[in-house]
Amino acid sequence: MEQHRNPDGTYNGAAVLSDLTGIPQDGVRQIFEQVKANHAKLVACPFHDFVPLGGPRKRYRCQNCSGEVDFNAYHWHEQGRRPR
């Protein structure tokens, strides 16, 4: 991990995750960007209307903003725990 230390003492997260997962650094950075874009959609949406996506992983997509969440986020949203 020390080989991924930046001059300021922090770490290059993409490089560390690349070593741990075997995913190339460019792939890790691409995943980072997808996560940030999804988060921005969800935060900007005034009202979520989630529908299930299907498949083995329980994920939901908002019909208004196209943001996606996992089952836990969906569950708490439905419980009214999400700030409006």
PDB file of N, CA and C in Angstrom:
ATOM      1  N   MET A   1       0.818  -1.179   0.000  1.00  0.00           N
ATOM      2  CA  MET A   1       0.000   0.000   0.000  1.00  0.00           C
ATOM      3  C   MET A   1       0.873   1.258   0.000  1.00  0.00           C
ATOM      4  N   GLU A   2       2.036   1.171   0.575  1.00  0.00           N
ATOM      5  CA  GLU A   2       2.909   2.340   0.635  1.00  0.00           C
ATOM      6  C   GLU A   2       3.272   2.857  -0.755  1.00  0.00           C
ATOM      7  N   GLN A   3       3.283   1.978  -1.745  1.00  0.00           N
ATOM      8  CA  GLN A   3       3.617   2.424  -3.103  1.00  0.00           C
ATOM      9  C   GLN A   3       2.538   3.343  -3.676  1.00  0.00           C
ATOM     10  N   HIS A   4       1.381   3.406  -3.025  1.00  0.00           N
ATOM     11  CA  HIS A   4       0.281   4.251  -3.490  1.00  0.00           C
ATOM     12  C   HIS A   4       0.105   5.509  -2.641  1.00  0.00           C
ATOM     13  N   ARG A   5       1.081   5.790  -1.771  1.00  0.00           N
ATOM     14  CA  ARG A   5       0.999   6.993  -0.920  1.00  0.00           C
ATOM     15  C   ARG A   5       1.321   8.226  -1.759  1.00  0.00           C
ATOM     16  N   ASN A   6       0.493   9.259  -1.601  1.00  0.00           N
ATOM     17  CA  ASN A   6       0.710  10.541  -2.276  1.00  0.00           C
ATOM     18  C   ASN A   6       1.708  11.369  -1.466  1.00  0.00           C
ATOM     19  N   PRO A   7       2.307  12.382  -2.087  1.00  0.00           N
ATOM     20  CA  PRO A   7       3.270  13.239  -1.361  1.00  0.00           C
ATOM     21  C   PRO A   7       2.693  13.894  -0.105  1.00  0.00           C
ATOM     22  N   ASP A   8       1.374  14.125  -0.083  1.00  0.00           N
ATOM     23  CA  ASP A   8       0.763  14.773   1.089  1.00  0.00           C
ATOM     24  C   ASP A   8       0.381  13.785   2.187  1.00  0.00           C
ATOM     25  N   GLY A   9       0.711  12.501   2.006  1.00  0.00           N
ATOM     26  CA  GLY A   9       0.439  11.493   3.025  1.00  0.00           C
ATOM     27  C   GLY A   9      -0.845  10.715   2.821  1.00  0.00           C
ATOM     28  N   THR A  10      -1.716  11.189   1.922  1.00  0.00           N
ATOM     29  CA  THR A  10      -2.933  10.448   1.611  1.00  0.00           C
ATOM     30  C   THR A  10      -2.593   9.322   0.646  1.00  0.00           C
ATOM     31  N   TYR A  11      -3.578   8.556   0.262  1.00  0.00           N
ATOM     32  CA  TYR A  11      -3.362   7.444  -0.650  1.00  0.00           C
ATOM     33  C   TYR A  11      -4.138   7.639  -1.944  1.00  0.00           C
ATOM     34  N   ASN A  12      -3.613   7.079  -3.006  1.00  0.00           N
ATOM     35  CA  ASN A  12      -4.309   7.049  -4.287  1.00  0.00           C
ATOM     36  C   ASN A  12      -5.336   5.920  -4.189  1.00  0.00           C
ATOM     37  N   GLY A  13      -6.576   6.280  -3.891  1.00  0.00           N
ATOM     38  CA  GLY A  13      -7.628   5.282  -3.668  1.00  0.00           C
ATOM     39  C   GLY A  13      -7.877   4.392  -4.861  1.00  0.00           C
ATOM     40  N   ALA A  14      -7.819   4.953  -6.063  1.00  0.00           N
ATOM     41  CA  ALA A  14      -8.041   4.142  -7.267  1.00  0.00           C
ATOM     42  C   ALA A  14      -6.957   3.087  -7.410  1.00  0.00           C
ATOM     43  N   ALA A  15      -5.726   3.453  -7.104  1.00  0.00           N
ATOM     44  CA  ALA A  15      -4.621   2.492  -7.210  1.00  0.00           C
ATOM     45  C   ALA A  15      -4.734   1.394  -6.163  1.00  0.00           C
ATOM     46  N   VAL A  16      -5.097   1.780  -4.941  1.00  0.00           N
ATOM     47  CA  VAL A  16      -5.246   0.787  -3.874  1.00  0.00           C
ATOM     48  C   VAL A  16      -6.364  -0.189  -4.221  1.00  0.00           C
ATOM     49  N   LEU A  17      -7.527   0.337  -4.627  1.00  0.00           N
ATOM     50  CA  LEU A  17      -8.644  -0.546  -4.982  1.00  0.00           C
ATOM     51  C   LEU A  17      -8.322  -1.404  -6.197  1.00  0.00           C
ATOM     52  N   SER A  18      -7.561  -0.866  -7.127  1.00  0.00           N
ATOM     53  CA  SER A  18      -7.145  -1.644  -8.289  1.00  0.00           C
ATOM     54  C   SER A  18      -6.315  -2.844  -7.856  1.00  0.00           C
ATOM     55  N   ASP A  19      -5.366  -2.618  -6.951  1.00  0.00           N
ATOM     56  CA  ASP A  19      -4.544  -3.726  -6.456  1.00  0.00           C
ATOM     57  C   ASP A  19      -5.381  -4.760  -5.711  1.00  0.00           C
ATOM     58  N   LEU A  20      -6.337  -4.292  -4.917  1.00  0.00           N
ATOM     59  CA  LEU A  20      -7.156  -5.208  -4.116  1.00  0.00           C
ATOM     60  C   LEU A  20      -8.128  -6.029  -4.958  1.00  0.00           C
ATOM     61  N   THR A  21      -8.671  -5.423  -6.013  1.00  0.00           N
ATOM     62  CA  THR A  21      -9.731  -6.078  -6.784  1.00  0.00           C
ATOM     63  C   THR A  21      -9.266  -6.676  -8.104  1.00  0.00           C
ATOM     64  N   GLY A  22      -8.148  -6.184  -8.618  1.00  0.00           N
ATOM     65  CA  GLY A  22      -7.699  -6.635  -9.936  1.00  0.00           C
ATOM     66  C   GLY A  22      -8.334  -5.843 -11.071  1.00  0.00           C
ATOM     67  N   ILE A  23      -9.185  -4.883 -10.751  1.00  0.00           N
ATOM     68  CA  ILE A  23      -9.796  -4.020 -11.767  1.00  0.00           C
ATOM     69  C   ILE A  23      -8.765  -2.950 -12.131  1.00  0.00           C
ATOM     70  N   PRO A  24      -8.543  -2.694 -13.406  1.00  0.00           N
ATOM     71  CA  PRO A  24      -7.589  -1.638 -13.780  1.00  0.00           C
ATOM     72  C   PRO A  24      -7.980  -0.291 -13.170  1.00  0.00           C
ATOM     73  N   GLN A  25      -6.982   0.561 -12.907  1.00  0.00           N
ATOM     74  CA  GLN A  25      -7.246   1.862 -12.288  1.00  0.00           C
ATOM     75  C   GLN A  25      -8.260   2.679 -13.080  1.00  0.00           C
ATOM     76  N   ASP A  26      -8.188   2.621 -14.403  1.00  0.00           N
ATOM     77  CA  ASP A  26      -9.165   3.359 -15.205  1.00  0.00           C
ATOM     78  C   ASP A  26     -10.579   2.850 -14.942  1.00  0.00           C
ATOM     79  N   GLY A  27     -10.725   1.551 -14.750  1.00  0.00           N
ATOM     80  CA  GLY A  27     -12.028   0.973 -14.431  1.00  0.00           C
ATOM     81  C   GLY A  27     -12.528   1.423 -13.073  1.00  0.00           C
ATOM     82  N   VAL A  28     -11.627   1.487 -12.097  1.00  0.00           N
ATOM     83  CA  VAL A  28     -11.999   1.957 -10.759  1.00  0.00           C
ATOM     84  C   VAL A  28     -12.437   3.414 -10.835  1.00  0.00           C
ATOM     85  N   ARG A  29     -11.693   4.234 -11.570  1.00  0.00           N
ATOM     86  CA  ARG A  29     -12.064   5.649 -11.709  1.00  0.00           C
ATOM     87  C   ARG A  29     -13.424   5.788 -12.398  1.00  0.00           C
ATOM     88  N   GLN A  30     -13.687   4.922 -13.373  1.00  0.00           N
ATOM     89  CA  GLN A  30     -14.970   4.955 -14.071  1.00  0.00           C
ATOM     90  C   GLN A  30     -16.110   4.627 -13.096  1.00  0.00           C
ATOM     91  N   ILE A  31     -15.890   3.652 -12.232  1.00  0.00           N
ATOM     92  CA  ILE A  31     -16.893   3.312 -11.216  1.00  0.00           C
ATOM     93  C   ILE A  31     -17.102   4.489 -10.273  1.00  0.00           C
ATOM     94  N   PHE A  32     -16.006   5.141  -9.852  1.00  0.00           N
ATOM     95  CA  PHE A  32     -16.125   6.336  -9.003  1.00  0.00           C
ATOM     96  C   PHE A  32     -17.026   7.373  -9.666  1.00  0.00           C
ATOM     97  N   GLU A  33     -16.808   7.625 -10.937  1.00  0.00           N
ATOM     98  CA  GLU A  33     -17.588   8.639 -11.661  1.00  0.00           C
ATOM     99  C   GLU A  33     -19.054   8.244 -11.767  1.00  0.00           C
ATOM    100  N   GLN A  34     -19.331   6.956 -11.979  1.00  0.00           N
ATOM    101  CA  GLN A  34     -20.715   6.487 -12.057  1.00  0.00           C
ATOM    102  C   GLN A  34     -21.423   6.668 -10.718  1.00  0.00           C
ATOM    103  N   VAL A  35     -20.718   6.366  -9.637  1.00  0.00           N
ATOM    104  CA  VAL A  35     -21.300   6.522  -8.301  1.00  0.00           C
ATOM    105  C   VAL A  35     -21.600   7.994  -8.019  1.00  0.00           C
ATOM    106  N   LYS A  36     -20.655   8.881  -8.352  1.00  0.00           N
ATOM    107  CA  LYS A  36     -20.874  10.313  -8.126  1.00  0.00           C
ATOM    108  C   LYS A  36     -22.035  10.835  -8.961  1.00  0.00           C
ATOM    109  N   ALA A  37     -22.157  10.389 -10.216  1.00  0.00           N
ATOM    110  CA  ALA A  37     -23.250  10.842 -11.074  1.00  0.00           C
ATOM    111  C   ALA A  37     -24.596  10.348 -10.540  1.00  0.00           C
ATOM    112  N   ASN A  38     -24.650   9.101 -10.068  1.00  0.00           N
ATOM    113  CA  ASN A  38     -25.892   8.555  -9.512  1.00  0.00           C
ATOM    114  C   ASN A  38     -26.286   9.335  -8.257  1.00  0.00           C
ATOM    115  N   HIS A  39     -25.313   9.617  -7.411  1.00  0.00           N
ATOM    116  CA  HIS A  39     -25.585  10.376  -6.191  1.00  0.00           C
ATOM    117  C   HIS A  39     -26.130  11.766  -6.531  1.00  0.00           C
ATOM    118  N   ALA A  40     -25.538  12.419  -7.513  1.00  0.00           N
ATOM    119  CA  ALA A  40     -25.994  13.759  -7.905  1.00  0.00           C
ATOM    120  C   ALA A  40     -27.437  13.725  -8.393  1.00  0.00           C
ATOM    121  N   LYS A  41     -27.807  12.703  -9.160  1.00  0.00           N
ATOM    122  CA  LYS A  41     -29.192  12.567  -9.625  1.00  0.00           C
ATOM    123  C   LYS A  41     -30.142  12.447  -8.439  1.00  0.00           C
ATOM    124  N   LEU A  42     -29.781  11.562  -7.503  1.00  0.00           N
ATOM    125  CA  LEU A  42     -30.650  11.312  -6.361  1.00  0.00           C
ATOM    126  C   LEU A  42     -30.814  12.550  -5.483  1.00  0.00           C
ATOM    127  N   VAL A  43     -29.739  13.273  -5.251  1.00  0.00           N
ATOM    128  CA  VAL A  43     -29.794  14.460  -4.399  1.00  0.00           C
ATOM    129  C   VAL A  43     -30.623  15.559  -5.049  1.00  0.00           C
ATOM    130  N   ALA A  44     -30.548  15.690  -6.369  1.00  0.00           N
ATOM    131  CA  ALA A  44     -31.254  16.764  -7.070  1.00  0.00           C
ATOM    132  C   ALA A  44     -32.739  16.481  -7.278  1.00  0.00           C
ATOM    133  N   CYS A  45     -33.162  15.253  -7.106  1.00  0.00           N
ATOM    134  CA  CYS A  45     -34.548  14.875  -7.378  1.00  0.00           C
ATOM    135  C   CYS A  45     -35.479  15.347  -6.258  1.00  0.00           C
ATOM    136  N   PRO A  46     -36.541  16.071  -6.601  1.00  0.00           N
ATOM    137  CA  PRO A  46     -37.459  16.560  -5.572  1.00  0.00           C
ATOM    138  C   PRO A  46     -38.414  15.481  -5.037  1.00  0.00           C
ATOM    139  N   PHE A  47     -38.646  14.428  -5.820  1.00  0.00           N
ATOM    140  CA  PHE A  47     -39.578  13.387  -5.388  1.00  0.00           C
ATOM    141  C   PHE A  47     -39.209  12.074  -6.070  1.00  0.00           C
ATOM    142  N   HIS A  48     -38.892  11.062  -5.271  1.00  0.00           N
ATOM    143  CA  HIS A  48     -38.524   9.760  -5.835  1.00  0.00           C
ATOM    144  C   HIS A  48     -39.756   8.872  -5.990  1.00  0.00           C
ATOM    145  N   ASP A  49     -39.809   8.188  -7.120  1.00  0.00           N
ATOM    146  CA  ASP A  49     -40.847   7.201  -7.406  1.00  0.00           C
ATOM    147  C   ASP A  49     -40.119   5.956  -7.897  1.00  0.00           C
ATOM    148  N   PHE A  50     -39.713   5.099  -6.948  1.00  0.00           N
ATOM    149  CA  PHE A  50     -38.875   3.949  -7.270  1.00  0.00           C
ATOM    150  C   PHE A  50     -39.673   2.771  -7.806  1.00  0.00           C
ATOM    151  N   VAL A  51     -39.080   2.084  -8.776  1.00  0.00           N
ATOM    152  CA  VAL A  51     -39.620   0.835  -9.306  1.00  0.00           C
ATOM    153  C   VAL A  51     -38.499  -0.200  -9.272  1.00  0.00           C
ATOM    154  N   PRO A  52     -38.847  -1.474  -9.040  1.00  0.00           N
ATOM    155  CA  PRO A  52     -37.814  -2.516  -9.010  1.00  0.00           C
ATOM    156  C   PRO A  52     -37.212  -2.735 -10.397  1.00  0.00           C
ATOM    157  N   LEU A  53     -35.909  -3.044 -10.414  1.00  0.00           N
ATOM    158  CA  LEU A  53     -35.222  -3.300 -11.679  1.00  0.00           C
ATOM    159  C   LEU A  53     -35.255  -4.771 -12.068  1.00  0.00           C
ATOM    160  N   GLY A  54     -35.513  -5.657 -11.137  1.00  0.00           N
ATOM    161  CA  GLY A  54     -35.489  -7.077 -11.440  1.00  0.00           C
ATOM    162  C   GLY A  54     -34.073  -7.608 -11.356  1.00  0.00           C
ATOM    163  N   GLY A  55     -33.932  -8.888 -11.545  1.00  0.00           N
ATOM    164  CA  GLY A  55     -32.616  -9.497 -11.443  1.00  0.00           C
ATOM    165  C   GLY A  55     -32.348  -9.983 -10.034  1.00  0.00           C
ATOM    166  N   PRO A  56     -31.207 -10.649  -9.844  1.00  0.00           N
ATOM    167  CA  PRO A  56     -30.911 -11.246  -8.539  1.00  0.00           C
ATOM    168  C   PRO A  56     -30.588 -10.219  -7.448  1.00  0.00           C
ATOM    169  N   ARG A  57     -30.030  -9.074  -7.824  1.00  0.00           N
ATOM    170  CA  ARG A  57     -29.730  -8.022  -6.848  1.00  0.00           C
ATOM    171  C   ARG A  57     -30.933  -7.100  -6.758  1.00  0.00           C
ATOM    172  N   LYS A  58     -31.409  -6.877  -5.558  1.00  0.00           N
ATOM    173  CA  LYS A  58     -32.590  -6.033  -5.382  1.00  0.00           C
ATOM    174  C   LYS A  58     -32.175  -4.568  -5.498  1.00  0.00           C
ATOM    175  N   ARG A  59     -32.439  -3.981  -6.666  1.00  0.00           N
ATOM    176  CA  ARG A  59     -32.139  -2.581  -6.921  1.00  0.00           C
ATOM    177  C   ARG A  59     -33.398  -1.908  -7.436  1.00  0.00           C
ATOM    178  N   TYR A  60     -33.455  -0.596  -7.240  1.00  0.00           N
ATOM    179  CA  TYR A  60     -34.621   0.181  -7.624  1.00  0.00           C
ATOM    180  C   TYR A  60     -34.161   1.430  -8.368  1.00  0.00           C
ATOM    181  N   ARG A  61     -34.964   1.865  -9.351  1.00  0.00           N
ATOM    182  CA  ARG A  61     -34.651   3.075 -10.127  1.00  0.00           C
ATOM    183  C   ARG A  61     -35.798   4.061  -9.981  1.00  0.00           C
ATOM    184  N   CYS A  62     -35.435   5.312  -9.744  1.00  0.00           N
ATOM    185  CA  CYS A  62     -36.436   6.377  -9.652  1.00  0.00           C
ATOM    186  C   CYS A  62     -36.914   6.722 -11.061  1.00  0.00           C
ATOM    187  N   GLN A  63     -38.223   6.750 -11.241  1.00  0.00           N
ATOM    188  CA  GLN A  63     -38.788   7.072 -12.548  1.00  0.00           C
ATOM    189  C   GLN A  63     -38.644   8.558 -12.885  1.00  0.00           C
ATOM    190  N   ASN A  64     -38.343   9.386 -11.887  1.00  0.00           N
ATOM    191  CA  ASN A  64     -38.202  10.817 -12.120  1.00  0.00           C
ATOM    192  C   ASN A  64     -36.770  11.228 -12.459  1.00  0.00           C
ATOM    193  N   CYS A  65     -35.785  10.700 -11.733  1.00  0.00           N
ATOM    194  CA  CYS A  65     -34.401  11.146 -11.920  1.00  0.00           C
ATOM    195  C   CYS A  65     -33.483  10.073 -12.503  1.00  0.00           C
ATOM    196  N   SER A  66     -33.945   8.839 -12.602  1.00  0.00           N
ATOM    197  CA  SER A  66     -33.167   7.688 -13.081  1.00  0.00           C
ATOM    198  C   SER A  66     -32.059   7.277 -12.121  1.00  0.00           C
ATOM    199  N   GLY A  67     -32.052   7.831 -10.917  1.00  0.00           N
ATOM    200  CA  GLY A  67     -31.079   7.409  -9.911  1.00  0.00           C
ATOM    201  C   GLY A  67     -31.434   6.020  -9.409  1.00  0.00           C
ATOM    202  N   GLU A  68     -30.409   5.260  -9.018  1.00  0.00           N
ATOM    203  CA  GLU A  68     -30.623   3.899  -8.542  1.00  0.00           C
ATOM    204  C   GLU A  68     -30.178   3.743  -7.099  1.00  0.00           C
ATOM    205  N   VAL A  69     -30.907   2.895  -6.370  1.00  0.00           N
ATOM    206  CA  VAL A  69     -30.582   2.594  -4.980  1.00  0.00           C
ATOM    207  C   VAL A  69     -30.682   1.091  -4.755  1.00  0.00           C
ATOM    208  N   ASP A  70     -30.046   0.630  -3.667  1.00  0.00           N
ATOM    209  CA  ASP A  70     -30.164  -0.770  -3.296  1.00  0.00           C
ATOM    210  C   ASP A  70     -31.401  -0.962  -2.413  1.00  0.00           C
ATOM    211  N   PHE A  71     -31.637  -2.195  -1.996  1.00  0.00           N
ATOM    212  CA  PHE A  71     -32.826  -2.491  -1.209  1.00  0.00           C
ATOM    213  C   PHE A  71     -32.862  -1.714   0.105  1.00  0.00           C
ATOM    214  N   ASN A  72     -31.711  -1.587   0.788  1.00  0.00           N
ATOM    215  CA  ASN A  72     -31.703  -0.894   2.078  1.00  0.00           C
ATOM    216  C   ASN A  72     -32.118   0.565   1.931  1.00  0.00           C
ATOM    217  N   ALA A  73     -31.572   1.255   0.950  1.00  0.00           N
ATOM    218  CA  ALA A  73     -31.945   2.658   0.739  1.00  0.00           C
ATOM    219  C   ALA A  73     -33.420   2.761   0.364  1.00  0.00           C
ATOM    220  N   TYR A  74     -33.877   1.854  -0.472  1.00  0.00           N
ATOM    221  CA  TYR A  74     -35.295   1.846  -0.857  1.00  0.00           C
ATOM    222  C   TYR A  74     -36.178   1.624   0.366  1.00  0.00           C
ATOM    223  N   HIS A  75     -35.824   0.644   1.181  1.00  0.00           N
ATOM    224  CA  HIS A  75     -36.614   0.321   2.378  1.00  0.00           C
ATOM    225  C   HIS A  75     -36.754   1.541   3.284  1.00  0.00           C
ATOM    226  N   TRP A  76     -35.641   2.220   3.583  1.00  0.00           N
ATOM    227  CA  TRP A  76     -35.708   3.368   4.488  1.00  0.00           C
ATOM    228  C   TRP A  76     -36.422   4.541   3.845  1.00  0.00           C
ATOM    229  N   HIS A  77     -36.298   4.672   2.548  1.00  0.00           N
ATOM    230  CA  HIS A  77     -37.062   5.720   1.859  1.00  0.00           C
ATOM    231  C   HIS A  77     -38.555   5.467   2.051  1.00  0.00           C
ATOM    232  N   GLU A  78     -38.960   4.231   1.868  1.00  0.00           N
ATOM    233  CA  GLU A  78     -40.369   3.880   2.016  1.00  0.00           C
ATOM    234  C   GLU A  78     -40.846   4.024   3.453  1.00  0.00           C
ATOM    235  N   GLN A  79     -39.947   3.909   4.402  1.00  0.00           N
ATOM    236  CA  GLN A  79     -40.313   4.071   5.816  1.00  0.00           C
ATOM    237  C   GLN A  79     -40.433   5.538   6.206  1.00  0.00           C
ATOM    238  N   GLY A  80     -40.093   6.433   5.295  1.00  0.00           N
ATOM    239  CA  GLY A  80     -40.183   7.857   5.586  1.00  0.00           C
ATOM    240  C   GLY A  80     -38.996   8.395   6.356  1.00  0.00           C
ATOM    241  N   ARG A  81     -37.887   7.661   6.327  1.00  0.00           N
ATOM    242  CA  ARG A  81     -36.703   8.073   7.090  1.00  0.00           C
ATOM    243  C   ARG A  81     -35.835   9.059   6.319  1.00  0.00           C
ATOM    244  N   ARG A  82     -36.095   9.243   5.065  1.00  0.00           N
ATOM    245  CA  ARG A  82     -35.296  10.117   4.201  1.00  0.00           C
ATOM    246  C   ARG A  82     -35.738  11.557   4.398  1.00  0.00           C
ATOM    247  N   PRO A  83     -34.775  12.486   4.598  1.00  0.00           N
ATOM    248  CA  PRO A  83     -35.186  13.897   4.695  1.00  0.00           C
ATOM    249  C   PRO A  83     -35.710  14.399   3.365  1.00  0.00           C
ATOM    250  N   ARG A  84     -36.703  15.261   3.415  1.00  0.00           N
ATOM    251  CA  ARG A  84     -37.261  15.826   2.164  1.00  0.00           C
ATOM    252  C   ARG A  84     -36.763  17.220   1.929  1.00  0.00           C
TER     253      ARG A  84
END
